[in-house]
Amino acid sequence: MPPLSWHSGRPCANRAAGLWECTVTGIPDGRRFEYKVLVNDDIWSTGPNHVGVGGRTRHVRPVF
């Protein structure tokens, strides 16, 4: 899978009302990265970027 991009999204699964699970590979364990949730490569979540850490799971509830 290609690296993260600000131009297109990655597949995610909706696990509950407003709760999404996305898998990011290629980020070294412990390395921080910023991202936003993008629906259908068209609608960005509002507010500040989310911060993830390689090798960890983070649950987010994006607002659109």
N, C-alpha and C. Protein backbone atom coordinates (compact mmCIF):
# COMPACT_ATOMS: atom_id res chain seq x y z
N MET A 1 0.85 -1.18 0.00
CA MET A 1 0.00 0.00 0.00
C MET A 1 0.90 1.24 0.00
N PRO A 2 0.54 2.28 -0.78
CA PRO A 2 1.38 3.48 -0.84
C PRO A 2 1.38 4.22 0.49
N PRO A 3 2.36 5.11 0.69
CA PRO A 3 2.41 5.88 1.93
C PRO A 3 1.20 6.80 2.07
N LEU A 4 1.04 7.37 3.25
CA LEU A 4 -0.05 8.31 3.47
C LEU A 4 0.05 9.48 2.50
N SER A 5 -1.09 10.03 2.14
CA SER A 5 -1.15 11.12 1.17
C SER A 5 -2.21 12.12 1.59
N TRP A 6 -1.98 13.39 1.31
CA TRP A 6 -2.99 14.43 1.56
C TRP A 6 -3.91 14.57 0.36
N HIS A 7 -3.73 13.70 -0.66
CA HIS A 7 -4.52 13.81 -1.88
C HIS A 7 -5.54 12.70 -2.06
N SER A 8 -5.34 11.57 -1.40
CA SER A 8 -6.29 10.47 -1.49
C SER A 8 -6.28 9.69 -0.20
N GLY A 9 -7.40 9.04 0.09
CA GLY A 9 -7.54 8.32 1.35
C GLY A 9 -7.12 6.88 1.28
N ARG A 10 -7.32 6.18 2.39
CA ARG A 10 -7.07 4.75 2.51
C ARG A 10 -8.33 4.09 3.02
N PRO A 11 -8.51 2.82 2.73
CA PRO A 11 -9.71 2.13 3.21
C PRO A 11 -9.79 2.11 4.74
N CYS A 12 -10.97 2.35 5.26
CA CYS A 12 -11.23 2.29 6.70
C CYS A 12 -12.55 1.54 6.91
N ALA A 13 -12.73 1.02 8.11
CA ALA A 13 -13.95 0.30 8.45
C ALA A 13 -14.70 1.04 9.53
N ASN A 14 -16.00 1.20 9.35
CA ASN A 14 -16.85 1.84 10.35
C ASN A 14 -17.21 0.77 11.38
N ARG A 15 -16.77 0.93 12.62
CA ARG A 15 -16.97 -0.08 13.66
C ARG A 15 -18.17 0.21 14.56
N ALA A 16 -18.57 1.47 14.65
CA ALA A 16 -19.73 1.88 15.46
C ALA A 16 -20.11 3.28 15.00
N ALA A 17 -21.17 3.82 15.56
CA ALA A 17 -21.61 5.16 15.17
C ALA A 17 -20.47 6.16 15.31
N GLY A 18 -19.97 6.63 14.18
CA GLY A 18 -18.91 7.64 14.18
C GLY A 18 -17.53 7.13 14.53
N LEU A 19 -17.35 5.81 14.73
CA LEU A 19 -16.04 5.26 15.10
C LEU A 19 -15.46 4.50 13.91
N TRP A 20 -14.29 4.91 13.48
CA TRP A 20 -13.65 4.33 12.29
C TRP A 20 -12.34 3.67 12.66
N GLU A 21 -12.01 2.60 11.96
CA GLU A 21 -10.75 1.90 12.16
C GLU A 21 -10.00 1.89 10.83
N CYS A 22 -8.78 2.44 10.85
CA CYS A 22 -7.95 2.50 9.66
C CYS A 22 -6.59 1.89 9.98
N THR A 23 -6.03 1.18 9.05
CA THR A 23 -4.72 0.57 9.24
C THR A 23 -3.70 1.35 8.43
N VAL A 24 -2.63 1.74 9.08
CA VAL A 24 -1.54 2.47 8.43
C VAL A 24 -0.29 1.62 8.56
N THR A 25 0.34 1.32 7.45
CA THR A 25 1.58 0.55 7.47
C THR A 25 2.72 1.43 6.96
N GLY A 26 3.93 1.01 7.25
CA GLY A 26 5.10 1.73 6.75
C GLY A 26 5.56 2.86 7.64
N ILE A 27 4.92 3.06 8.77
CA ILE A 27 5.35 4.09 9.73
C ILE A 27 6.15 3.36 10.81
N PRO A 28 7.39 3.74 11.05
CA PRO A 28 8.18 3.04 12.08
C PRO A 28 7.51 3.13 13.46
N ASP A 29 7.63 2.06 14.25
CA ASP A 29 7.08 2.05 15.60
C ASP A 29 7.58 3.26 16.39
N GLY A 30 6.67 3.92 17.06
CA GLY A 30 7.00 5.07 17.89
C GLY A 30 7.05 6.40 17.15
N ARG A 31 7.03 6.38 15.83
CA ARG A 31 7.10 7.63 15.07
C ARG A 31 5.72 8.28 14.97
N ARG A 32 5.66 9.56 15.28
CA ARG A 32 4.41 10.31 15.22
C ARG A 32 4.14 10.77 13.79
N PHE A 33 2.85 10.82 13.43
CA PHE A 33 2.45 11.34 12.13
C PHE A 33 1.08 11.99 12.27
N GLU A 34 0.78 12.92 11.39
CA GLU A 34 -0.51 13.61 11.40
C GLU A 34 -1.36 13.13 10.24
N TYR A 35 -2.67 13.13 10.46
CA TYR A 35 -3.59 12.71 9.41
C TYR A 35 -4.97 13.31 9.65
N LYS A 36 -5.77 13.27 8.63
CA LYS A 36 -7.18 13.64 8.70
C LYS A 36 -7.98 12.51 8.09
N VAL A 37 -9.22 12.38 8.49
CA VAL A 37 -10.10 11.38 7.92
C VAL A 37 -10.73 11.96 6.66
N LEU A 38 -10.73 11.18 5.58
CA LEU A 38 -11.24 11.60 4.29
C LEU A 38 -12.26 10.57 3.82
N VAL A 39 -13.47 11.00 3.55
CA VAL A 39 -14.54 10.09 3.12
C VAL A 39 -14.63 10.10 1.60
N ASN A 40 -14.53 8.91 1.01
CA ASN A 40 -14.67 8.73 -0.45
C ASN A 40 -13.77 9.67 -1.25
N ASP A 41 -12.58 9.95 -0.73
CA ASP A 41 -11.63 10.85 -1.39
C ASP A 41 -12.26 12.20 -1.73
N ASP A 42 -13.24 12.63 -0.91
CA ASP A 42 -13.98 13.85 -1.25
C ASP A 42 -14.22 14.77 -0.07
N ILE A 43 -14.55 14.25 1.10
CA ILE A 43 -14.95 15.09 2.24
C ILE A 43 -13.96 14.90 3.39
N TRP A 44 -13.25 15.98 3.74
CA TRP A 44 -12.28 15.95 4.84
C TRP A 44 -12.99 16.19 6.16
N SER A 45 -12.50 15.56 7.22
CA SER A 45 -13.01 15.86 8.56
C SER A 45 -12.62 17.29 8.92
N THR A 46 -13.40 17.89 9.80
CA THR A 46 -13.13 19.27 10.21
C THR A 46 -12.25 19.26 11.46
N GLY A 47 -11.78 20.43 11.84
CA GLY A 47 -10.96 20.55 13.04
C GLY A 47 -9.51 20.25 12.76
N PRO A 48 -8.71 20.18 13.84
CA PRO A 48 -7.27 19.96 13.68
C PRO A 48 -6.97 18.54 13.20
N ASN A 49 -5.75 18.34 12.73
CA ASN A 49 -5.30 17.02 12.33
C ASN A 49 -5.27 16.09 13.53
N HIS A 50 -5.44 14.80 13.28
CA HIS A 50 -5.25 13.79 14.32
C HIS A 50 -3.77 13.45 14.34
N VAL A 51 -3.29 12.94 15.47
CA VAL A 51 -1.89 12.52 15.59
C VAL A 51 -1.88 11.03 15.89
N GLY A 52 -1.15 10.28 15.07
CA GLY A 52 -1.00 8.84 15.28
C GLY A 52 0.44 8.53 15.64
N VAL A 53 0.66 7.32 16.12
CA VAL A 53 2.00 6.86 16.45
C VAL A 53 2.16 5.46 15.85
N GLY A 54 3.22 5.28 15.08
CA GLY A 54 3.46 3.99 14.43
C GLY A 54 3.46 2.84 15.43
N GLY A 55 2.80 1.75 15.07
CA GLY A 55 2.74 0.58 15.93
C GLY A 55 1.67 0.62 17.00
N ARG A 56 0.87 1.66 17.04
CA ARG A 56 -0.17 1.80 18.05
C ARG A 56 -1.54 1.95 17.40
N THR A 57 -2.56 1.65 18.17
CA THR A 57 -3.94 1.81 17.73
C THR A 57 -4.52 3.05 18.38
N ARG A 58 -5.25 3.81 17.59
CA ARG A 58 -5.91 5.01 18.12
C ARG A 58 -7.30 5.07 17.53
N HIS A 59 -8.28 5.29 18.38
CA HIS A 59 -9.65 5.43 17.93
C HIS A 59 -9.97 6.91 17.80
N VAL A 60 -10.57 7.29 16.69
CA VAL A 60 -10.95 8.68 16.49
C VAL A 60 -12.42 8.74 16.11
N ARG A 61 -13.03 9.84 16.44
CA ARG A 61 -14.43 10.09 16.07
C ARG A 61 -14.44 11.40 15.27
N PRO A 62 -14.20 11.30 13.96
CA PRO A 62 -14.11 12.51 13.14
C PRO A 62 -15.45 13.23 13.03
N VAL A 63 -15.36 14.52 12.82
CA VAL A 63 -16.54 15.38 12.60
C VAL A 63 -16.45 15.90 11.19
N PHE A 64 -17.60 15.87 10.47
CA PHE A 64 -17.63 16.32 9.09
C PHE A 64 -18.60 17.48 8.93
